[in-house]
Amino acid sequence: MTASGKFITLEGVDGAGKSTHLDFVADWLRRQGHEVIITREPGGTPLGETLRELLLHQEMDADTELLLMFAARQEHLARLILPALARGAWVVSDRFTDASYAYQCGGRGIAAERVAALEAWVQRGFQPGLTLLFDVPPAVAEARRSAARTADRFEREADSFFSRVRTAYLERAQADPGRIRVLDARHSIAELQAEIGQLLQELA
């Protein structure tokens, strides 16, 4: 493909089930003839993965957490996302900056202006072409987290934390409905994938 690539992100609280649909999105795009890169945040590069381990397992101040998230994001953009898009690949990421507004602003209580300043510095106006937000009530997400693997320090947070995260995500979606499309993650996998396919068709 010679056309410029596009950037798609999947978002949602821990337990919303977004990771289940990463491969579906990638496979759908590959069937259209696109080169597809699957990645994640924090992570996506060797340095980003090292920072991910710290962020998920090392206790730290909320401001330190935010700064490390954006340090990993800068590396992610410079080393992986932007070069892939430049050569025409499509990049599908498990989380991006909407997660910082949801988790660090909504969850931790950091002022949105501080996140916006880092976003402007690191991204210079760059945004995903489409964000799929998997929304689920906190009780459902908590039940799914409980059945999952050993929890990291985010997944161990109280229900009130995830309620704030969810609220922040939905506020982001309300402010940017053209980019952020909300999906009811209580629906069956088949129903969700039908919805996702329609949204991808619009973008492609």
N, C-alpha and C. Protein backbone atom coordinates (compact mmCIF):
# COMPACT_ATOMS: atom_id res chain seq x y z
N MET A 1 0.85 -1.20 0.00
CA MET A 1 0.00 0.00 0.00
C MET A 1 0.88 1.25 0.00
N THR A 2 0.55 2.19 -0.85
CA THR A 2 1.34 3.41 -0.92
C THR A 2 0.72 4.55 -0.13
N ALA A 3 -0.57 4.42 0.24
CA ALA A 3 -1.22 5.49 1.00
C ALA A 3 -0.64 5.57 2.39
N SER A 4 -0.78 6.75 3.00
CA SER A 4 -0.31 6.91 4.37
C SER A 4 -1.08 5.98 5.31
N GLY A 5 -0.37 5.48 6.31
CA GLY A 5 -1.02 4.62 7.28
C GLY A 5 -1.89 5.41 8.23
N LYS A 6 -2.67 4.70 9.03
CA LYS A 6 -3.53 5.32 10.02
C LYS A 6 -3.30 4.68 11.38
N PHE A 7 -3.63 5.45 12.41
CA PHE A 7 -3.37 5.06 13.79
C PHE A 7 -4.70 4.83 14.50
N ILE A 8 -4.89 3.62 15.03
CA ILE A 8 -6.10 3.24 15.73
C ILE A 8 -5.73 2.85 17.15
N THR A 9 -6.49 3.34 18.13
CA THR A 9 -6.23 2.98 19.52
C THR A 9 -7.47 2.33 20.13
N LEU A 10 -7.21 1.44 21.09
CA LEU A 10 -8.26 0.79 21.86
C LEU A 10 -8.10 1.21 23.31
N GLU A 11 -9.19 1.65 23.91
CA GLU A 11 -9.16 2.17 25.27
C GLU A 11 -10.27 1.54 26.12
N GLY A 12 -10.13 1.70 27.43
CA GLY A 12 -11.14 1.22 28.37
C GLY A 12 -10.51 0.90 29.71
N VAL A 13 -11.33 0.80 30.73
CA VAL A 13 -10.82 0.45 32.05
C VAL A 13 -10.29 -0.97 32.04
N ASP A 14 -9.42 -1.28 32.98
CA ASP A 14 -8.96 -2.66 33.12
C ASP A 14 -10.15 -3.56 33.37
N GLY A 15 -10.28 -4.60 32.54
CA GLY A 15 -11.41 -5.50 32.65
C GLY A 15 -12.50 -5.24 31.62
N ALA A 16 -12.34 -4.21 30.79
CA ALA A 16 -13.36 -3.91 29.78
C ALA A 16 -13.32 -4.90 28.61
N GLY A 17 -12.19 -5.60 28.44
CA GLY A 17 -12.09 -6.60 27.40
C GLY A 17 -11.52 -6.12 26.08
N LYS A 18 -10.96 -4.90 26.07
CA LYS A 18 -10.45 -4.35 24.82
C LYS A 18 -9.36 -5.20 24.19
N SER A 19 -8.50 -5.80 25.02
CA SER A 19 -7.39 -6.57 24.47
C SER A 19 -7.87 -7.76 23.65
N THR A 20 -9.07 -8.25 23.96
CA THR A 20 -9.65 -9.37 23.22
C THR A 20 -9.82 -9.02 21.74
N HIS A 21 -10.02 -7.74 21.45
CA HIS A 21 -10.37 -7.34 20.09
C HIS A 21 -9.20 -6.80 19.28
N LEU A 22 -8.02 -6.73 19.88
CA LEU A 22 -6.85 -6.24 19.14
C LEU A 22 -6.58 -7.06 17.88
N ASP A 23 -6.56 -8.37 18.04
CA ASP A 23 -6.25 -9.24 16.90
C ASP A 23 -7.33 -9.15 15.83
N PHE A 24 -8.59 -8.99 16.26
CA PHE A 24 -9.68 -8.85 15.28
C PHE A 24 -9.46 -7.62 14.42
N VAL A 25 -9.15 -6.49 15.07
CA VAL A 25 -8.91 -5.25 14.33
C VAL A 25 -7.77 -5.44 13.34
N ALA A 26 -6.66 -6.02 13.82
CA ALA A 26 -5.50 -6.21 12.95
C ALA A 26 -5.82 -7.14 11.79
N ASP A 27 -6.52 -8.24 12.06
CA ASP A 27 -6.86 -9.18 10.99
C ASP A 27 -7.79 -8.54 9.97
N TRP A 28 -8.74 -7.73 10.45
CA TRP A 28 -9.67 -7.06 9.53
C TRP A 28 -8.90 -6.14 8.59
N LEU A 29 -7.96 -5.39 9.14
CA LEU A 29 -7.18 -4.47 8.32
C LEU A 29 -6.27 -5.21 7.34
N ARG A 30 -5.70 -6.31 7.79
CA ARG A 30 -4.83 -7.10 6.89
C ARG A 30 -5.63 -7.64 5.72
N ARG A 31 -6.88 -7.99 5.96
CA ARG A 31 -7.71 -8.49 4.86
C ARG A 31 -7.98 -7.41 3.82
N GLN A 32 -7.82 -6.15 4.21
CA GLN A 32 -7.96 -5.04 3.26
C GLN A 32 -6.65 -4.75 2.54
N GLY A 33 -5.60 -5.50 2.87
CA GLY A 33 -4.32 -5.34 2.20
C GLY A 33 -3.33 -4.43 2.90
N HIS A 34 -3.61 -4.07 4.15
CA HIS A 34 -2.72 -3.16 4.87
C HIS A 34 -1.64 -3.94 5.65
N GLU A 35 -0.47 -3.33 5.73
CA GLU A 35 0.52 -3.79 6.71
C GLU A 35 0.04 -3.26 8.07
N VAL A 36 0.04 -4.12 9.10
CA VAL A 36 -0.50 -3.74 10.40
C VAL A 36 0.54 -4.02 11.49
N ILE A 37 0.74 -3.04 12.34
CA ILE A 37 1.61 -3.18 13.51
C ILE A 37 0.73 -3.12 14.76
N ILE A 38 0.82 -4.14 15.62
CA ILE A 38 0.11 -4.14 16.90
C ILE A 38 1.10 -3.73 17.98
N THR A 39 0.69 -2.81 18.84
CA THR A 39 1.57 -2.36 19.90
C THR A 39 0.76 -2.03 21.15
N ARG A 40 1.42 -1.49 22.17
CA ARG A 40 0.72 -1.21 23.42
C ARG A 40 1.41 -0.10 24.18
N GLU A 41 0.63 0.51 25.09
CA GLU A 41 1.20 1.51 25.99
C GLU A 41 0.82 1.19 27.43
N PRO A 42 1.72 1.48 28.37
CA PRO A 42 3.13 1.79 28.09
C PRO A 42 3.83 0.59 27.49
N GLY A 43 4.80 0.86 26.64
CA GLY A 43 5.54 -0.22 26.00
C GLY A 43 5.79 0.09 24.54
N GLY A 44 5.85 -0.97 23.73
CA GLY A 44 5.99 -0.82 22.29
C GLY A 44 7.41 -0.72 21.77
N THR A 45 8.35 -0.37 22.64
CA THR A 45 9.77 -0.31 22.27
C THR A 45 10.56 -0.96 23.41
N PRO A 46 11.84 -1.29 23.20
CA PRO A 46 12.61 -1.87 24.31
C PRO A 46 12.62 -0.97 25.55
N LEU A 47 12.86 0.33 25.36
CA LEU A 47 12.84 1.23 26.51
C LEU A 47 11.43 1.32 27.09
N GLY A 48 10.44 1.41 26.23
CA GLY A 48 9.06 1.49 26.69
C GLY A 48 8.65 0.29 27.52
N GLU A 49 9.12 -0.90 27.13
CA GLU A 49 8.78 -2.10 27.90
C GLU A 49 9.47 -2.10 29.26
N THR A 50 10.68 -1.56 29.32
CA THR A 50 11.35 -1.42 30.62
C THR A 50 10.58 -0.46 31.52
N LEU A 51 10.14 0.65 30.96
CA LEU A 51 9.34 1.60 31.73
C LEU A 51 8.00 0.99 32.14
N ARG A 52 7.44 0.15 31.28
CA ARG A 52 6.17 -0.51 31.60
C ARG A 52 6.30 -1.34 32.88
N GLU A 53 7.39 -2.08 32.98
CA GLU A 53 7.59 -2.90 34.18
C GLU A 53 7.64 -2.05 35.43
N LEU A 54 8.31 -0.92 35.35
CA LEU A 54 8.36 -0.01 36.49
C LEU A 54 6.96 0.54 36.80
N LEU A 55 6.25 0.97 35.77
CA LEU A 55 4.94 1.59 35.96
C LEU A 55 3.91 0.61 36.53
N LEU A 56 3.99 -0.63 36.13
CA LEU A 56 3.00 -1.60 36.58
C LEU A 56 3.31 -2.21 37.94
N HIS A 57 4.58 -2.17 38.34
CA HIS A 57 4.95 -2.93 39.54
C HIS A 57 5.70 -2.14 40.61
N GLN A 58 6.15 -0.94 40.29
CA GLN A 58 6.92 -0.16 41.26
C GLN A 58 6.06 0.98 41.79
N GLU A 59 5.91 1.06 43.10
CA GLU A 59 5.16 2.17 43.68
C GLU A 59 5.90 3.48 43.41
N MET A 60 5.13 4.54 43.11
CA MET A 60 5.75 5.82 42.77
C MET A 60 4.74 6.95 42.96
N ASP A 61 5.25 8.15 43.00
CA ASP A 61 4.41 9.34 43.09
C ASP A 61 3.59 9.48 41.81
N ALA A 62 2.40 10.06 41.92
CA ALA A 62 1.51 10.20 40.76
C ALA A 62 2.15 11.02 39.65
N ASP A 63 2.88 12.08 40.00
CA ASP A 63 3.54 12.89 38.98
C ASP A 63 4.65 12.12 38.28
N THR A 64 5.37 11.31 39.03
CA THR A 64 6.40 10.45 38.43
C THR A 64 5.76 9.50 37.43
N GLU A 65 4.63 8.92 37.82
CA GLU A 65 3.90 8.01 36.95
C GLU A 65 3.53 8.69 35.63
N LEU A 66 3.00 9.90 35.73
CA LEU A 66 2.60 10.63 34.53
C LEU A 66 3.80 10.92 33.63
N LEU A 67 4.89 11.37 34.22
CA LEU A 67 6.08 11.70 33.43
C LEU A 67 6.67 10.47 32.76
N LEU A 68 6.68 9.36 33.46
CA LEU A 68 7.19 8.12 32.85
C LEU A 68 6.28 7.65 31.72
N MET A 69 4.97 7.82 31.88
CA MET A 69 4.04 7.46 30.80
C MET A 69 4.37 8.24 29.53
N PHE A 70 4.62 9.53 29.69
CA PHE A 70 4.92 10.34 28.51
C PHE A 70 6.33 10.12 27.99
N ALA A 71 7.26 9.74 28.85
CA ALA A 71 8.59 9.37 28.37
C ALA A 71 8.49 8.13 27.48
N ALA A 72 7.73 7.14 27.93
CA ALA A 72 7.52 5.94 27.12
C ALA A 72 6.78 6.28 25.83
N ARG A 73 5.84 7.22 25.90
CA ARG A 73 5.06 7.60 24.71
C ARG A 73 5.94 8.32 23.69
N GLN A 74 6.83 9.18 24.14
CA GLN A 74 7.75 9.86 23.23
C GLN A 74 8.59 8.84 22.46
N GLU A 75 9.13 7.86 23.18
CA GLU A 75 9.94 6.82 22.55
C GLU A 75 9.09 6.00 21.58
N HIS A 76 7.87 5.71 21.98
CA HIS A 76 6.94 4.94 21.15
C HIS A 76 6.67 5.65 19.83
N LEU A 77 6.39 6.93 19.91
CA LEU A 77 6.13 7.71 18.70
C LEU A 77 7.37 7.79 17.81
N ALA A 78 8.50 8.11 18.42
CA ALA A 78 9.71 8.33 17.64
C ALA A 78 10.26 7.05 17.01
N ARG A 79 10.19 5.95 17.73
CA ARG A 79 10.83 4.71 17.28
C ARG A 79 9.91 3.78 16.51
N LEU A 80 8.59 3.84 16.78
CA LEU A 80 7.71 2.85 16.19
C LEU A 80 6.54 3.47 15.43
N ILE A 81 5.71 4.26 16.12
CA ILE A 81 4.44 4.68 15.52
C ILE A 81 4.64 5.55 14.29
N LEU A 82 5.37 6.65 14.42
CA LEU A 82 5.51 7.58 13.30
C LEU A 82 6.27 6.98 12.12
N PRO A 83 7.37 6.23 12.34
CA PRO A 83 8.03 5.59 11.19
C PRO A 83 7.13 4.59 10.48
N ALA A 84 6.32 3.83 11.23
CA ALA A 84 5.42 2.86 10.61
C ALA A 84 4.37 3.56 9.77
N LEU A 85 3.79 4.62 10.30
CA LEU A 85 2.78 5.36 9.55
C LEU A 85 3.38 5.99 8.30
N ALA A 86 4.61 6.47 8.41
CA ALA A 86 5.26 7.12 7.27
C ALA A 86 5.47 6.17 6.10
N ARG A 87 5.67 4.90 6.39
CA ARG A 87 5.87 3.93 5.30
C ARG A 87 4.55 3.32 4.83
N GLY A 88 3.43 3.77 5.41
CA GLY A 88 2.12 3.32 4.96
C GLY A 88 1.48 2.24 5.79
N ALA A 89 2.13 1.80 6.86
CA ALA A 89 1.54 0.77 7.73
C ALA A 89 0.44 1.39 8.59
N TRP A 90 -0.47 0.55 9.04
CA TRP A 90 -1.49 0.94 10.00
C TRP A 90 -1.04 0.44 11.37
N VAL A 91 -1.17 1.28 12.38
CA VAL A 91 -0.73 0.94 13.73
C VAL A 91 -1.95 0.84 14.63
N VAL A 92 -2.04 -0.28 15.35
CA VAL A 92 -3.15 -0.51 16.29
C VAL A 92 -2.54 -0.63 17.68
N SER A 93 -2.92 0.28 18.58
CA SER A 93 -2.30 0.33 19.90
C SER A 93 -3.31 0.09 21.02
N ASP A 94 -2.92 -0.77 21.93
CA ASP A 94 -3.67 -0.98 23.18
C ASP A 94 -3.29 0.17 24.11
N ARG A 95 -4.10 1.22 24.10
CA ARG A 95 -3.96 2.47 24.86
C ARG A 95 -3.06 3.49 24.18
N PHE A 96 -3.37 4.76 24.49
CA PHE A 96 -2.55 5.90 24.08
C PHE A 96 -2.89 7.04 25.04
N THR A 97 -2.88 8.27 24.60
CA THR A 97 -2.98 9.40 25.52
C THR A 97 -4.33 9.53 26.21
N ASP A 98 -5.40 9.04 25.61
CA ASP A 98 -6.68 9.07 26.32
C ASP A 98 -6.57 8.36 27.66
N ALA A 99 -5.73 7.33 27.73
CA ALA A 99 -5.53 6.61 28.99
C ALA A 99 -4.89 7.50 30.05
N SER A 100 -4.03 8.42 29.64
CA SER A 100 -3.41 9.33 30.61
C SER A 100 -4.45 10.27 31.21
N TYR A 101 -5.36 10.75 30.37
CA TYR A 101 -6.44 11.60 30.89
C TYR A 101 -7.36 10.79 31.81
N ALA A 102 -7.60 9.54 31.46
CA ALA A 102 -8.50 8.71 32.27
C ALA A 102 -7.85 8.27 33.58
N TYR A 103 -6.64 7.73 33.50
CA TYR A 103 -6.00 7.15 34.69
C TYR A 103 -5.28 8.19 35.54
N GLN A 104 -4.48 9.03 34.91
CA GLN A 104 -3.72 9.99 35.71
C GLN A 104 -4.58 11.21 36.12
N CYS A 105 -5.46 11.67 35.24
CA CYS A 105 -6.36 12.77 35.61
C CYS A 105 -7.55 12.24 36.40
N GLY A 106 -8.34 11.38 35.77
CA GLY A 106 -9.52 10.86 36.43
C GLY A 106 -9.20 10.04 37.66
N GLY A 107 -8.31 9.07 37.50
CA GLY A 107 -8.00 8.18 38.60
C GLY A 107 -7.16 8.80 39.69
N ARG A 108 -6.05 9.46 39.31
CA ARG A 108 -5.10 10.01 40.28
C ARG A 108 -5.43 11.43 40.71
N GLY A 109 -6.21 12.15 39.89
CA GLY A 109 -6.56 13.52 40.26
C GLY A 109 -5.60 14.58 39.79
N ILE A 110 -4.70 14.25 38.86
CA ILE A 110 -3.79 15.25 38.30
C ILE A 110 -4.57 16.19 37.40
N ALA A 111 -4.25 17.48 37.44
CA ALA A 111 -4.97 18.47 36.63
C ALA A 111 -4.81 18.17 35.14
N ALA A 112 -5.91 18.27 34.42
CA ALA A 112 -5.88 17.99 32.98
C ALA A 112 -4.93 18.91 32.24
N GLU A 113 -4.75 20.14 32.74
CA GLU A 113 -3.86 21.09 32.06
C GLU A 113 -2.42 20.57 32.03
N ARG A 114 -2.03 19.84 33.05
CA ARG A 114 -0.66 19.31 33.08
C ARG A 114 -0.48 18.20 32.06
N VAL A 115 -1.50 17.36 31.93
CA VAL A 115 -1.44 16.32 30.91
C VAL A 115 -1.46 16.95 29.51
N ALA A 116 -2.29 17.97 29.35
CA ALA A 116 -2.37 18.63 28.05
C ALA A 116 -1.04 19.26 27.65
N ALA A 117 -0.30 19.80 28.62
CA ALA A 117 1.00 20.40 28.32
C ALA A 117 1.98 19.34 27.82
N LEU A 118 1.99 18.18 28.46
CA LEU A 118 2.85 17.08 28.03
C LEU A 118 2.41 16.54 26.67
N GLU A 119 1.10 16.44 26.48
CA GLU A 119 0.57 15.97 25.20
C GLU A 119 1.02 16.89 24.07
N ALA A 120 0.93 18.21 24.29
CA ALA A 120 1.32 19.17 23.25
C ALA A 120 2.81 19.06 22.94
N TRP A 121 3.61 18.87 23.97
CA TRP A 121 5.06 18.78 23.79
C TRP A 121 5.43 17.51 23.03
N VAL A 122 4.89 16.38 23.45
CA VAL A 122 5.28 15.09 22.89
C VAL A 122 4.62 14.82 21.54
N GLN A 123 3.34 15.15 21.40
CA GLN A 123 2.60 14.75 20.20
C GLN A 123 2.53 15.82 19.12
N ARG A 124 2.71 17.07 19.50
CA ARG A 124 2.70 18.16 18.52
C ARG A 124 1.48 18.11 17.61
N GLY A 125 0.33 17.85 18.19
CA GLY A 125 -0.92 17.81 17.45
C GLY A 125 -1.30 16.46 16.89
N PHE A 126 -0.42 15.49 16.99
CA PHE A 126 -0.71 14.15 16.46
C PHE A 126 -1.79 13.46 17.31
N GLN A 127 -2.78 12.86 16.64
CA GLN A 127 -3.86 12.14 17.32
C GLN A 127 -4.20 10.88 16.54
N PRO A 128 -4.80 9.89 17.20
CA PRO A 128 -5.28 8.71 16.47
C PRO A 128 -6.36 9.09 15.46
N GLY A 129 -6.46 8.30 14.41
CA GLY A 129 -7.54 8.50 13.46
C GLY A 129 -8.86 7.96 13.97
N LEU A 130 -8.78 6.95 14.84
CA LEU A 130 -9.96 6.33 15.43
C LEU A 130 -9.59 5.74 16.77
N THR A 131 -10.44 5.99 17.76
CA THR A 131 -10.26 5.38 19.08
C THR A 131 -11.52 4.59 19.43
N LEU A 132 -11.36 3.31 19.72
CA LEU A 132 -12.46 2.45 20.15
C LEU A 132 -12.43 2.40 21.67
N LEU A 133 -13.48 2.93 22.29
CA LEU A 133 -13.56 2.95 23.75
C LEU A 133 -14.53 1.87 24.20
N PHE A 134 -13.99 0.86 24.86
CA PHE A 134 -14.80 -0.26 25.37
C PHE A 134 -15.29 0.11 26.76
N ASP A 135 -16.58 0.38 26.85
CA ASP A 135 -17.17 0.86 28.10
C ASP A 135 -17.92 -0.26 28.80
N VAL A 136 -17.74 -0.35 30.10
CA VAL A 136 -18.40 -1.40 30.88
C VAL A 136 -18.61 -0.87 32.30
N PRO A 137 -19.72 -1.21 32.95
CA PRO A 137 -19.93 -0.79 34.33
C PRO A 137 -18.82 -1.30 35.24
N PRO A 138 -18.47 -0.54 36.28
CA PRO A 138 -17.36 -0.93 37.16
C PRO A 138 -17.50 -2.33 37.74
N ALA A 139 -18.71 -2.73 38.11
CA ALA A 139 -18.89 -4.05 38.72
C ALA A 139 -18.53 -5.17 37.74
N VAL A 140 -18.88 -4.99 36.48
CA VAL A 140 -18.56 -6.00 35.47
C VAL A 140 -17.05 -6.05 35.25
N ALA A 141 -16.43 -4.87 35.15
CA ALA A 141 -14.98 -4.83 34.95
C ALA A 141 -14.25 -5.47 36.13
N GLU A 142 -14.75 -5.21 37.35
CA GLU A 142 -14.10 -5.77 38.54
C GLU A 142 -14.18 -7.29 38.54
N ALA A 143 -15.32 -7.85 38.14
CA ALA A 143 -15.47 -9.30 38.08
C ALA A 143 -14.51 -9.91 37.06
N ARG A 144 -14.33 -9.22 35.94
CA ARG A 144 -13.41 -9.72 34.92
C ARG A 144 -11.97 -9.63 35.39
N ARG A 145 -11.63 -8.55 36.09
CA ARG A 145 -10.26 -8.43 36.61
C ARG A 145 -9.97 -9.52 37.63
N SER A 146 -10.96 -9.85 38.46
CA SER A 146 -10.77 -10.85 39.51
C SER A 146 -10.49 -12.23 38.93
N ALA A 147 -11.03 -12.47 37.73
CA ALA A 147 -10.84 -13.77 37.10
C ALA A 147 -9.58 -13.83 36.25
N ALA A 148 -8.89 -12.71 36.13
CA ALA A 148 -7.72 -12.64 35.26
C ALA A 148 -6.45 -13.04 36.01
N ARG A 149 -5.32 -12.76 35.39
CA ARG A 149 -4.02 -13.10 35.93
C ARG A 149 -3.73 -12.30 37.20
N THR A 150 -2.56 -12.53 37.77
CA THR A 150 -2.15 -11.77 38.95
C THR A 150 -2.17 -10.27 38.64
N ALA A 151 -2.82 -9.51 39.50
CA ALA A 151 -3.06 -8.10 39.23
C ALA A 151 -1.80 -7.26 39.38
N ASP A 152 -1.66 -6.24 38.49
CA ASP A 152 -0.60 -5.26 38.65
C ASP A 152 -1.10 -4.15 39.57
N ARG A 153 -0.31 -3.10 39.77
CA ARG A 153 -0.69 -2.11 40.78
C ARG A 153 -1.88 -1.26 40.34
N PHE A 154 -2.13 -1.15 39.04
CA PHE A 154 -3.33 -0.46 38.58
C PHE A 154 -4.56 -1.33 38.82
N GLU A 155 -4.45 -2.59 38.47
CA GLU A 155 -5.58 -3.50 38.61
C GLU A 155 -5.97 -3.73 40.07
N ARG A 156 -5.07 -3.43 40.99
CA ARG A 156 -5.38 -3.59 42.42
C ARG A 156 -6.08 -2.37 43.01
N GLU A 157 -6.28 -1.32 42.21
CA GLU A 157 -6.93 -0.13 42.72
C GLU A 157 -8.39 -0.41 43.11
N ALA A 158 -8.94 0.46 43.98
CA ALA A 158 -10.30 0.31 44.47
C ALA A 158 -11.33 0.58 43.36
N ASP A 159 -12.55 0.11 43.56
CA ASP A 159 -13.62 0.34 42.58
C ASP A 159 -13.83 1.83 42.33
N SER A 160 -13.66 2.65 43.37
CA SER A 160 -13.87 4.09 43.20
C SER A 160 -12.87 4.68 42.20
N PHE A 161 -11.66 4.15 42.19
CA PHE A 161 -10.65 4.59 41.23
C PHE A 161 -11.14 4.32 39.81
N PHE A 162 -11.62 3.11 39.56
CA PHE A 162 -12.06 2.75 38.21
C PHE A 162 -13.34 3.48 37.82
N SER A 163 -14.17 3.83 38.78
CA SER A 163 -15.34 4.65 38.47
C SER A 163 -14.90 6.02 37.95
N ARG A 164 -13.88 6.59 38.59
CA ARG A 164 -13.36 7.88 38.12
C ARG A 164 -12.72 7.75 36.74
N VAL A 165 -12.01 6.66 36.53
CA VAL A 165 -11.38 6.42 35.23
C VAL A 165 -12.44 6.33 34.15
N ARG A 166 -13.49 5.56 34.43
CA ARG A 166 -14.57 5.40 33.44
C ARG A 166 -15.22 6.74 33.13
N THR A 167 -15.50 7.52 34.16
CA THR A 167 -16.12 8.83 33.96
C THR A 167 -15.24 9.71 33.08
N ALA A 168 -13.93 9.70 33.34
CA ALA A 168 -13.02 10.52 32.54
C ALA A 168 -13.00 10.06 31.09
N TYR A 169 -13.01 8.75 30.86
CA TYR A 169 -13.07 8.25 29.49
C TYR A 169 -14.33 8.73 28.77
N LEU A 170 -15.47 8.62 29.44
CA LEU A 170 -16.73 9.01 28.80
C LEU A 170 -16.78 10.51 28.54
N GLU A 171 -16.16 11.30 29.41
CA GLU A 171 -16.09 12.74 29.17
C GLU A 171 -15.22 13.03 27.95
N ARG A 172 -14.14 12.30 27.79
CA ARG A 172 -13.29 12.46 26.60
C ARG A 172 -14.08 12.13 25.34
N ALA A 173 -14.85 11.05 25.40
CA ALA A 173 -15.63 10.64 24.24
C ALA A 173 -16.70 11.66 23.90
N GLN A 174 -17.32 12.23 24.91
CA GLN A 174 -18.34 13.25 24.68
C GLN A 174 -17.73 14.50 24.03
N ALA A 175 -16.50 14.81 24.40
CA ALA A 175 -15.84 15.99 23.86
C ALA A 175 -15.31 15.78 22.44
N ASP A 176 -15.10 14.52 22.05
CA ASP A 176 -14.53 14.23 20.72
C ASP A 176 -15.23 13.01 20.11
N PRO A 177 -16.54 13.11 19.84
CA PRO A 177 -17.30 11.94 19.39
C PRO A 177 -16.93 11.46 17.99
N GLY A 178 -16.33 12.33 17.20
CA GLY A 178 -15.92 11.90 15.86
C GLY A 178 -14.77 10.92 15.88
N ARG A 179 -13.86 11.09 16.84
CA ARG A 179 -12.70 10.19 16.94
C ARG A 179 -12.94 9.04 17.89
N ILE A 180 -13.53 9.33 19.05
CA ILE A 180 -13.69 8.31 20.09
C ILE A 180 -15.09 7.71 19.98
N ARG A 181 -15.15 6.43 19.62
CA ARG A 181 -16.42 5.74 19.45
C ARG A 181 -16.62 4.77 20.60
N VAL A 182 -17.71 4.95 21.32
CA VAL A 182 -17.98 4.16 22.52
C VAL A 182 -18.70 2.87 22.16
N LEU A 183 -18.17 1.76 22.65
CA LEU A 183 -18.75 0.43 22.43
C LEU A 183 -19.17 -0.15 23.77
N ASP A 184 -20.36 -0.71 23.84
CA ASP A 184 -20.85 -1.34 25.06
C ASP A 184 -20.18 -2.70 25.20
N ALA A 185 -19.20 -2.79 26.09
CA ALA A 185 -18.39 -4.01 26.21
C ALA A 185 -19.13 -5.14 26.89
N ARG A 186 -20.40 -4.93 27.28
CA ARG A 186 -21.21 -6.04 27.80
C ARG A 186 -21.77 -6.90 26.68
N HIS A 187 -21.75 -6.38 25.46
CA HIS A 187 -22.25 -7.13 24.32
C HIS A 187 -21.37 -8.35 24.04
N SER A 188 -21.90 -9.28 23.29
CA SER A 188 -21.13 -10.47 22.95
C SER A 188 -19.97 -10.09 22.04
N ILE A 189 -18.98 -10.98 21.97
CA ILE A 189 -17.83 -10.74 21.10
C ILE A 189 -18.29 -10.57 19.66
N ALA A 190 -19.23 -11.39 19.22
CA ALA A 190 -19.71 -11.31 17.84
C ALA A 190 -20.38 -9.96 17.58
N GLU A 191 -21.20 -9.50 18.52
CA GLU A 191 -21.86 -8.21 18.35
C GLU A 191 -20.85 -7.08 18.29
N LEU A 192 -19.87 -7.12 19.20
CA LEU A 192 -18.87 -6.07 19.22
C LEU A 192 -18.04 -6.06 17.94
N GLN A 193 -17.68 -7.23 17.46
CA GLN A 193 -16.86 -7.27 16.26
C GLN A 193 -17.63 -6.80 15.04
N ALA A 194 -18.94 -7.00 15.02
CA ALA A 194 -19.74 -6.45 13.93
C ALA A 194 -19.72 -4.93 13.97
N GLU A 195 -19.85 -4.36 15.17
CA GLU A 195 -19.79 -2.90 15.33
C GLU A 195 -18.42 -2.37 14.93
N ILE A 196 -17.37 -3.07 15.40
CA ILE A 196 -16.01 -2.63 15.09
C ILE A 196 -15.76 -2.66 13.58
N GLY A 197 -16.22 -3.72 12.94
CA GLY A 197 -16.04 -3.82 11.49
C GLY A 197 -16.67 -2.65 10.75
N GLN A 198 -17.84 -2.21 11.20
CA GLN A 198 -18.50 -1.06 10.57
C GLN A 198 -17.68 0.21 10.74
N LEU A 199 -17.13 0.40 11.94
CA LEU A 199 -16.32 1.60 12.21
C LEU A 199 -15.03 1.58 11.38
N LEU A 200 -14.43 0.42 11.27
CA LEU A 200 -13.21 0.31 10.48
C LEU A 200 -13.50 0.56 9.00
N GLN A 201 -14.66 0.12 8.54
CA GLN A 201 -15.04 0.34 7.14
C GLN A 201 -15.15 1.84 6.87
N GLU A 202 -15.68 2.59 7.83
CA GLU A 202 -15.78 4.04 7.68
C GLU A 202 -14.39 4.68 7.59
N LEU A 203 -13.46 4.17 8.38
CA LEU A 203 -12.11 4.76 8.40
C LEU A 203 -11.32 4.38 7.18
N ALA A 204 -11.46 3.13 6.75
CA ALA A 204 -10.67 2.62 5.64
C ALA A 204 -11.14 3.18 4.31
